[in-house]
Amino acid sequence: MAAYDQMSPAERRNLIRTLRNPPALQEDPQVLPDGKHYEYDFRLKRTVEVSRSGERFPVVLVEGKLRRDHKNVIRR
C-alpha cells in the first residue's frame, strides 16, 4: 500500500471508507459445515480454530491449508 501522501484521491476515499467500516466487522465469521470457524486471538497473537463446543486450537498454515498446531495446544 502506498503512503497516504502518495495515494490518489480515489485511493484515499477507499482507505477512509474501509477504516470507517472494517471488513472484519461487517459480518460474522464463516462457520464451516462441521460447526468450526477460524479467528485471530489477540492474546495469543495467532489464528485459532474454534470448534462448535468452543474449544480453541492454534493453527499453522501447511501446504496452503490451516492445520491444528499440536505442539502448542491451548489448555484451559
PDB file of N, CA and C in Angstrom:
ATOM      1  N   MET A   1       0.842  -1.172   0.000  1.00  0.00           N
ATOM      2  CA  MET A   1       0.000   0.000   0.000  1.00  0.00           C
ATOM      3  C   MET A   1       0.887   1.235   0.000  1.00  0.00           C
ATOM      4  N   ALA A   2       0.507   2.193  -0.782  1.00  0.00           N
ATOM      5  CA  ALA A   2       1.277   3.434  -0.874  1.00  0.00           C
ATOM      6  C   ALA A   2       1.072   4.267   0.388  1.00  0.00           C
ATOM      7  N   ALA A   3       2.053   5.121   0.676  1.00  0.00           N
ATOM      8  CA  ALA A   3       1.909   6.046   1.786  1.00  0.00           C
ATOM      9  C   ALA A   3       0.757   6.989   1.484  1.00  0.00           C
ATOM     10  N   TYR A   4       0.101   7.479   2.535  1.00  0.00           N
ATOM     11  CA  TYR A   4      -1.088   8.310   2.368  1.00  0.00           C
ATOM     12  C   TYR A   4      -0.839   9.493   1.430  1.00  0.00           C
ATOM     13  N   ASP A   5       0.299  10.150   1.595  1.00  0.00           N
ATOM     14  CA  ASP A   5       0.567  11.331   0.759  1.00  0.00           C
ATOM     15  C   ASP A   5       0.873  10.976  -0.692  1.00  0.00           C
ATOM     16  N   GLN A   6       1.073   9.692  -0.986  1.00  0.00           N
ATOM     17  CA  GLN A   6       1.318   9.263  -2.361  1.00  0.00           C
ATOM     18  C   GLN A   6       0.077   8.650  -3.011  1.00  0.00           C
ATOM     19  N   MET A   7      -1.033   8.565  -2.261  1.00  0.00           N
ATOM     20  CA  MET A   7      -2.256   7.962  -2.786  1.00  0.00           C
ATOM     21  C   MET A   7      -3.023   8.935  -3.668  1.00  0.00           C
ATOM     22  N   SER A   8      -3.730   8.363  -4.618  1.00  0.00           N
ATOM     23  CA  SER A   8      -4.630   9.179  -5.440  1.00  0.00           C
ATOM     24  C   SER A   8      -5.862   9.507  -4.594  1.00  0.00           C
ATOM     25  N   PRO A   9      -6.633  10.519  -4.976  1.00  0.00           N
ATOM     26  CA  PRO A   9      -7.856  10.842  -4.227  1.00  0.00           C
ATOM     27  C   PRO A   9      -8.804   9.647  -4.103  1.00  0.00           C
ATOM     28  N   ALA A  10      -8.920   8.837  -5.146  1.00  0.00           N
ATOM     29  CA  ALA A  10      -9.800   7.661  -5.087  1.00  0.00           C
ATOM     30  C   ALA A  10      -9.282   6.641  -4.063  1.00  0.00           C
ATOM     31  N   GLU A  11      -7.963   6.456  -4.026  1.00  0.00           N
ATOM     32  CA  GLU A  11      -7.389   5.525  -3.056  1.00  0.00           C
ATOM     33  C   GLU A  11      -7.596   6.019  -1.633  1.00  0.00           C
ATOM     34  N   ARG A  12      -7.491   7.321  -1.426  1.00  0.00           N
ATOM     35  CA  ARG A  12      -7.719   7.889  -0.097  1.00  0.00           C
ATOM     36  C   ARG A  12      -9.161   7.698   0.340  1.00  0.00           C
ATOM     37  N   ARG A  13     -10.113   7.932  -0.577  1.00  0.00           N
ATOM     38  CA  ARG A  13     -11.527   7.728  -0.239  1.00  0.00           C
ATOM     39  C   ARG A  13     -11.789   6.272   0.129  1.00  0.00           C
ATOM     40  N   ASN A  14     -11.197   5.356  -0.623  1.00  0.00           N
ATOM     41  CA  ASN A  14     -11.365   3.932  -0.340  1.00  0.00           C
ATOM     42  C   ASN A  14     -10.772   3.581   1.027  1.00  0.00           C
ATOM     43  N   LEU A  15      -9.612   4.125   1.351  1.00  0.00           N
ATOM     44  CA  LEU A  15      -8.990   3.884   2.644  1.00  0.00           C
ATOM     45  C   LEU A  15      -9.884   4.389   3.775  1.00  0.00           C
ATOM     46  N   ILE A  16     -10.394   5.587   3.647  1.00  0.00           N
ATOM     47  CA  ILE A  16     -11.249   6.162   4.685  1.00  0.00           C
ATOM     48  C   ILE A  16     -12.533   5.352   4.832  1.00  0.00           C
ATOM     49  N   ARG A  17     -13.111   4.911   3.721  1.00  0.00           N
ATOM     50  CA  ARG A  17     -14.321   4.082   3.759  1.00  0.00           C
ATOM     51  C   ARG A  17     -14.033   2.761   4.492  1.00  0.00           C
ATOM     52  N   THR A  18     -12.882   2.156   4.228  1.00  0.00           N
ATOM     53  CA  THR A  18     -12.506   0.899   4.885  1.00  0.00           C
ATOM     54  C   THR A  18     -12.274   1.112   6.376  1.00  0.00           C
ATOM     55  N   LEU A  19     -11.645   2.211   6.747  1.00  0.00           N
ATOM     56  CA  LEU A  19     -11.394   2.481   8.160  1.00  0.00           C
ATOM     57  C   LEU A  19     -12.687   2.738   8.928  1.00  0.00           C
ATOM     58  N   ARG A  20     -13.668   3.319   8.274  1.00  0.00           N
ATOM     59  CA  ARG A  20     -14.959   3.574   8.930  1.00  0.00           C
ATOM     60  C   ARG A  20     -15.765   2.300   9.112  1.00  0.00           C
ATOM     61  N   ASN A  21     -15.604   1.339   8.228  1.00  0.00           N
ATOM     62  CA  ASN A  21     -16.379   0.104   8.273  1.00  0.00           C
ATOM     63  C   ASN A  21     -15.475  -1.067   7.925  1.00  0.00           C
ATOM     64  N   PRO A  22     -14.628  -1.488   8.871  1.00  0.00           N
ATOM     65  CA  PRO A  22     -13.668  -2.552   8.574  1.00  0.00           C
ATOM     66  C   PRO A  22     -14.362  -3.844   8.140  1.00  0.00           C
ATOM     67  N   PRO A  23     -13.799  -4.543   7.168  1.00  0.00           N
ATOM     68  CA  PRO A  23     -14.410  -5.781   6.685  1.00  0.00           C
ATOM     69  C   PRO A  23     -14.631  -6.814   7.789  1.00  0.00           C
ATOM     70  N   ALA A  24     -13.739  -6.875   8.772  1.00  0.00           N
ATOM     71  CA  ALA A  24     -13.887  -7.863   9.845  1.00  0.00           C
ATOM     72  C   ALA A  24     -15.135  -7.614  10.684  1.00  0.00           C
ATOM     73  N   LEU A  25     -15.636  -6.394  10.686  1.00  0.00           N
ATOM     74  CA  LEU A  25     -16.821  -6.075  11.477  1.00  0.00           C
ATOM     75  C   LEU A  25     -18.099  -6.135  10.658  1.00  0.00           C
ATOM     76  N   GLN A  26     -18.013  -6.411   9.391  1.00  0.00           N
ATOM     77  CA  GLN A  26     -19.184  -6.381   8.531  1.00  0.00           C
ATOM     78  C   GLN A  26     -20.058  -7.615   8.674  1.00  0.00           C
ATOM     79  N   GLU A  27     -19.487  -8.744   8.994  1.00  0.00           N
ATOM     80  CA  GLU A  27     -20.281  -9.961   9.089  1.00  0.00           C
ATOM     81  C   GLU A  27     -19.645 -10.922  10.073  1.00  0.00           C
ATOM     82  N   ASP A  28     -20.415 -11.901  10.516  1.00  0.00           N
ATOM     83  CA  ASP A  28     -19.907 -12.914  11.422  1.00  0.00           C
ATOM     84  C   ASP A  28     -18.920 -13.805  10.685  1.00  0.00           C
ATOM     85  N   PRO A  29     -18.045 -14.482  11.446  1.00  0.00           N
ATOM     86  CA  PRO A  29     -17.117 -15.393  10.769  1.00  0.00           C
ATOM     87  C   PRO A  29     -17.889 -16.498  10.059  1.00  0.00           C
ATOM     88  N   GLN A  30     -17.346 -16.970   8.963  1.00  0.00           N
ATOM     89  CA  GLN A  30     -17.994 -18.040   8.224  1.00  0.00           C
ATOM     90  C   GLN A  30     -17.819 -19.346   8.983  1.00  0.00           C
ATOM     91  N   VAL A  31     -18.947 -19.966   9.304  1.00  0.00           N
ATOM     92  CA  VAL A  31     -18.919 -21.230  10.019  1.00  0.00           C
ATOM     93  C   VAL A  31     -18.922 -22.359   8.994  1.00  0.00           C
ATOM     94  N   LEU A  32     -17.990 -23.281   9.156  1.00  0.00           N
ATOM     95  CA  LEU A  32     -17.870 -24.416   8.249  1.00  0.00           C
ATOM     96  C   LEU A  32     -18.952 -25.447   8.561  1.00  0.00           C
ATOM     97  N   PRO A  33     -19.218 -26.385   7.642  1.00  0.00           N
ATOM     98  CA  PRO A  33     -20.285 -27.383   7.853  1.00  0.00           C
ATOM     99  C   PRO A  33     -20.161 -28.166   9.164  1.00  0.00           C
ATOM    100  N   ASP A  34     -18.942 -28.388   9.644  1.00  0.00           N
ATOM    101  CA  ASP A  34     -18.778 -29.137  10.899  1.00  0.00           C
ATOM    102  C   ASP A  34     -18.900 -28.250  12.129  1.00  0.00           C
ATOM    103  N   GLY A  35     -19.249 -26.973  11.928  1.00  0.00           N
ATOM    104  CA  GLY A  35     -19.503 -26.070  13.049  1.00  0.00           C
ATOM    105  C   GLY A  35     -18.301 -25.291  13.538  1.00  0.00           C
ATOM    106  N   LYS A  36     -17.128 -25.499  12.967  1.00  0.00           N
ATOM    107  CA  LYS A  36     -15.946 -24.764  13.421  1.00  0.00           C
ATOM    108  C   LYS A  36     -15.729 -23.523  12.557  1.00  0.00           C
ATOM    109  N   HIS A  37     -14.962 -22.589  13.109  1.00  0.00           N
ATOM    110  CA  HIS A  37     -14.550 -21.416  12.347  1.00  0.00           C
ATOM    111  C   HIS A  37     -13.173 -20.996  12.856  1.00  0.00           C
ATOM    112  N   TYR A  38     -12.554 -20.094  12.132  1.00  0.00           N
ATOM    113  CA  TYR A  38     -11.224 -19.612  12.483  1.00  0.00           C
ATOM    114  C   TYR A  38     -11.314 -18.145  12.853  1.00  0.00           C
ATOM    115  N   GLU A  39     -10.535 -17.748  13.847  1.00  0.00           N
ATOM    116  CA  GLU A  39     -10.475 -16.338  14.228  1.00  0.00           C
ATOM    117  C   GLU A  39      -9.085 -16.027  14.750  1.00  0.00           C
ATOM    118  N   TYR A  40      -8.773 -14.737  14.803  1.00  0.00           N
ATOM    119  CA  TYR A  40      -7.478 -14.304  15.313  1.00  0.00           C
ATOM    120  C   TYR A  40      -7.612 -14.067  16.807  1.00  0.00           C
ATOM    121  N   ASP A  41      -6.741 -14.660  17.598  1.00  0.00           N
ATOM    122  CA  ASP A  41      -6.730 -14.482  19.042  1.00  0.00           C
ATOM    123  C   ASP A  41      -5.670 -13.427  19.373  1.00  0.00           C
ATOM    124  N   PHE A  42      -6.121 -12.252  19.808  1.00  0.00           N
ATOM    125  CA  PHE A  42      -5.192 -11.155  20.072  1.00  0.00           C
ATOM    126  C   PHE A  42      -4.308 -11.435  21.276  1.00  0.00           C
ATOM    127  N   ARG A  43      -4.808 -12.213  22.234  1.00  0.00           N
ATOM    128  CA  ARG A  43      -3.998 -12.537  23.406  1.00  0.00           C
ATOM    129  C   ARG A  43      -2.834 -13.452  23.017  1.00  0.00           C
ATOM    130  N   LEU A  44      -3.130 -14.447  22.179  1.00  0.00           N
ATOM    131  CA  LEU A  44      -2.087 -15.371  21.723  1.00  0.00           C
ATOM    132  C   LEU A  44      -1.289 -14.835  20.547  1.00  0.00           C
ATOM    133  N   LYS A  45      -1.873 -13.838  19.873  1.00  0.00           N
ATOM    134  CA  LYS A  45      -1.259 -13.246  18.680  1.00  0.00           C
ATOM    135  C   LYS A  45      -1.079 -14.289  17.582  1.00  0.00           C
ATOM    136  N   ARG A  46      -2.154 -15.071  17.357  1.00  0.00           N
ATOM    137  CA  ARG A  46      -2.140 -16.073  16.301  1.00  0.00           C
ATOM    138  C   ARG A  46      -3.559 -16.504  15.977  1.00  0.00           C
ATOM    139  N   THR A  47      -3.700 -17.204  14.863  1.00  0.00           N
ATOM    140  CA  THR A  47      -5.002 -17.695  14.425  1.00  0.00           C
ATOM    141  C   THR A  47      -5.318 -18.993  15.156  1.00  0.00           C
ATOM    142  N   VAL A  48      -6.599 -19.145  15.551  1.00  0.00           N
ATOM    143  CA  VAL A  48      -7.039 -20.357  16.223  1.00  0.00           C
ATOM    144  C   VAL A  48      -8.276 -20.912  15.534  1.00  0.00           C
ATOM    145  N   GLU A  49      -8.447 -22.219  15.652  1.00  0.00           N
ATOM    146  CA  GLU A  49      -9.663 -22.888  15.197  1.00  0.00           C
ATOM    147  C   GLU A  49     -10.591 -22.947  16.406  1.00  0.00           C
ATOM    148  N   VAL A  50     -11.845 -22.551  16.226  1.00  0.00           N
ATOM    149  CA  VAL A  50     -12.819 -22.595  17.303  1.00  0.00           C
ATOM    150  C   VAL A  50     -13.844 -23.662  16.946  1.00  0.00           C
ATOM    151  N   SER A  51     -13.931 -24.697  17.779  1.00  0.00           N
ATOM    152  CA  SER A  51     -14.859 -25.791  17.499  1.00  0.00           C
ATOM    153  C   SER A  51     -16.274 -25.384  17.909  1.00  0.00           C
ATOM    154  N   ARG A  52     -17.233 -26.187  17.540  1.00  0.00           N
ATOM    155  CA  ARG A  52     -18.637 -25.922  17.882  1.00  0.00           C
ATOM    156  C   ARG A  52     -18.812 -25.822  19.396  1.00  0.00           C
ATOM    157  N   SER A  53     -18.045 -26.608  20.156  1.00  0.00           N
ATOM    158  CA  SER A  53     -18.158 -26.607  21.616  1.00  0.00           C
ATOM    159  C   SER A  53     -17.413 -25.440  22.262  1.00  0.00           C
ATOM    160  N   GLY A  54     -16.675 -24.668  21.463  1.00  0.00           N
ATOM    161  CA  GLY A  54     -15.947 -23.517  21.990  1.00  0.00           C
ATOM    162  C   GLY A  54     -14.482 -23.778  22.270  1.00  0.00           C
ATOM    163  N   GLU A  55     -14.031 -25.016  22.059  1.00  0.00           N
ATOM    164  CA  GLU A  55     -12.612 -25.304  22.251  1.00  0.00           C
ATOM    165  C   GLU A  55     -11.795 -24.547  21.216  1.00  0.00           C
ATOM    166  N   ARG A  56     -10.612 -24.125  21.620  1.00  0.00           N
ATOM    167  CA  ARG A  56      -9.751 -23.323  20.744  1.00  0.00           C
ATOM    168  C   ARG A  56      -8.436 -24.058  20.522  1.00  0.00           C
ATOM    169  N   PHE A  57      -8.032 -24.156  19.256  1.00  0.00           N
ATOM    170  CA  PHE A  57      -6.802 -24.841  18.889  1.00  0.00           C
ATOM    171  C   PHE A  57      -5.968 -23.925  18.002  1.00  0.00           C
ATOM    172  N   PRO A  58      -4.703 -23.674  18.364  1.00  0.00           N
ATOM    173  CA  PRO A  58      -3.845 -22.884  17.483  1.00  0.00           C
ATOM    174  C   PRO A  58      -3.651 -23.626  16.158  1.00  0.00           C
ATOM    175  N   VAL A  59      -3.540 -22.889  15.071  1.00  0.00           N
ATOM    176  CA  VAL A  59      -3.359 -23.497  13.758  1.00  0.00           C
ATOM    177  C   VAL A  59      -2.124 -22.935  13.066  1.00  0.00           C
ATOM    178  N   VAL A  60      -1.614 -23.718  12.135  1.00  0.00           N
ATOM    179  CA  VAL A  60      -0.489 -23.299  11.293  1.00  0.00           C
ATOM    180  C   VAL A  60      -0.888 -23.546   9.842  1.00  0.00           C
ATOM    181  N   LEU A  61      -0.282 -22.822   8.939  1.00  0.00           N
ATOM    182  CA  LEU A  61      -0.539 -22.979   7.514  1.00  0.00           C
ATOM    183  C   LEU A  61       0.412 -24.023   6.948  1.00  0.00           C
ATOM    184  N   VAL A  62      -0.164 -25.130   6.435  1.00  0.00           N
ATOM    185  CA  VAL A  62       0.625 -26.224   5.867  1.00  0.00           C
ATOM    186  C   VAL A  62       0.104 -26.490   4.464  1.00  0.00           C
ATOM    187  N   GLU A  63       0.946 -26.286   3.472  1.00  0.00           N
ATOM    188  CA  GLU A  63       0.596 -26.514   2.073  1.00  0.00           C
ATOM    189  C   GLU A  63      -0.696 -25.790   1.692  1.00  0.00           C
ATOM    190  N   GLY A  64      -0.842 -24.567   2.170  1.00  0.00           N
ATOM    191  CA  GLY A  64      -1.990 -23.742   1.816  1.00  0.00           C
ATOM    192  C   GLY A  64      -3.259 -24.027   2.592  1.00  0.00           C
ATOM    193  N   LYS A  65      -3.204 -24.897   3.608  1.00  0.00           N
ATOM    194  CA  LYS A  65      -4.383 -25.216   4.412  1.00  0.00           C
ATOM    195  C   LYS A  65      -4.064 -25.020   5.886  1.00  0.00           C
ATOM    196  N   LEU A  66      -5.070 -24.600   6.660  1.00  0.00           N
ATOM    197  CA  LEU A  66      -4.889 -24.440   8.089  1.00  0.00           C
ATOM    198  C   LEU A  66      -5.001 -25.802   8.770  1.00  0.00           C
ATOM    199  N   ARG A  67      -3.999 -26.118   9.572  1.00  0.00           N
ATOM    200  CA  ARG A  67      -3.960 -27.383  10.316  1.00  0.00           C
ATOM    201  C   ARG A  67      -3.704 -27.070  11.782  1.00  0.00           C
ATOM    202  N   ARG A  68      -4.249 -27.901  12.665  1.00  0.00           N
ATOM    203  CA  ARG A  68      -4.003 -27.710  14.098  1.00  0.00           C
ATOM    204  C   ARG A  68      -2.518 -27.854  14.399  1.00  0.00           C
ATOM    205  N   ASP A  69      -2.027 -26.943  15.245  1.00  0.00           N
ATOM    206  CA  ASP A  69      -0.626 -26.977  15.684  1.00  0.00           C
ATOM    207  C   ASP A  69      -0.582 -27.763  16.987  1.00  0.00           C
ATOM    208  N   HIS A  70      -0.377 -29.065  16.889  1.00  0.00           N
ATOM    209  CA  HIS A  70      -0.442 -29.935  18.061  1.00  0.00           C
ATOM    210  C   HIS A  70       0.680 -29.662  19.060  1.00  0.00           C
ATOM    211  N   LYS A  71       1.709 -28.982  18.646  1.00  0.00           N
ATOM    212  CA  LYS A  71       2.803 -28.651  19.558  1.00  0.00           C
ATOM    213  C   LYS A  71       2.408 -27.562  20.544  1.00  0.00           C
ATOM    214  N   ASN A  72       1.431 -26.722  20.176  1.00  0.00           N
ATOM    215  CA  ASN A  72       1.047 -25.584  21.005  1.00  0.00           C
ATOM    216  C   ASN A  72      -0.432 -25.602  21.341  1.00  0.00           C
ATOM    217  N   VAL A  73      -0.935 -26.713  21.847  1.00  0.00           N
ATOM    218  CA  VAL A  73      -2.351 -26.825  22.211  1.00  0.00           C
ATOM    219  C   VAL A  73      -2.629 -25.944  23.425  1.00  0.00           C
ATOM    220  N   ILE A  74      -3.752 -25.263  23.402  1.00  0.00           N
ATOM    221  CA  ILE A  74      -4.142 -24.365  24.492  1.00  0.00           C
ATOM    222  C   ILE A  74      -4.877 -25.179  25.555  1.00  0.00           C
ATOM    223  N   ARG A  75      -4.418 -25.132  26.770  1.00  0.00           N
ATOM    224  CA  ARG A  75      -5.083 -25.823  27.882  1.00  0.00           C
ATOM    225  C   ARG A  75      -5.789 -24.786  28.734  1.00  0.00           C
ATOM    226  N   ARG A  76      -7.076 -25.020  29.006  1.00  0.00           N
ATOM    227  CA  ARG A  76      -7.827 -24.085  29.861  1.00  0.00           C
ATOM    228  C   ARG A  76      -8.458 -24.816  30.993  1.00  0.00           C
TER     229      ARG A  76
END
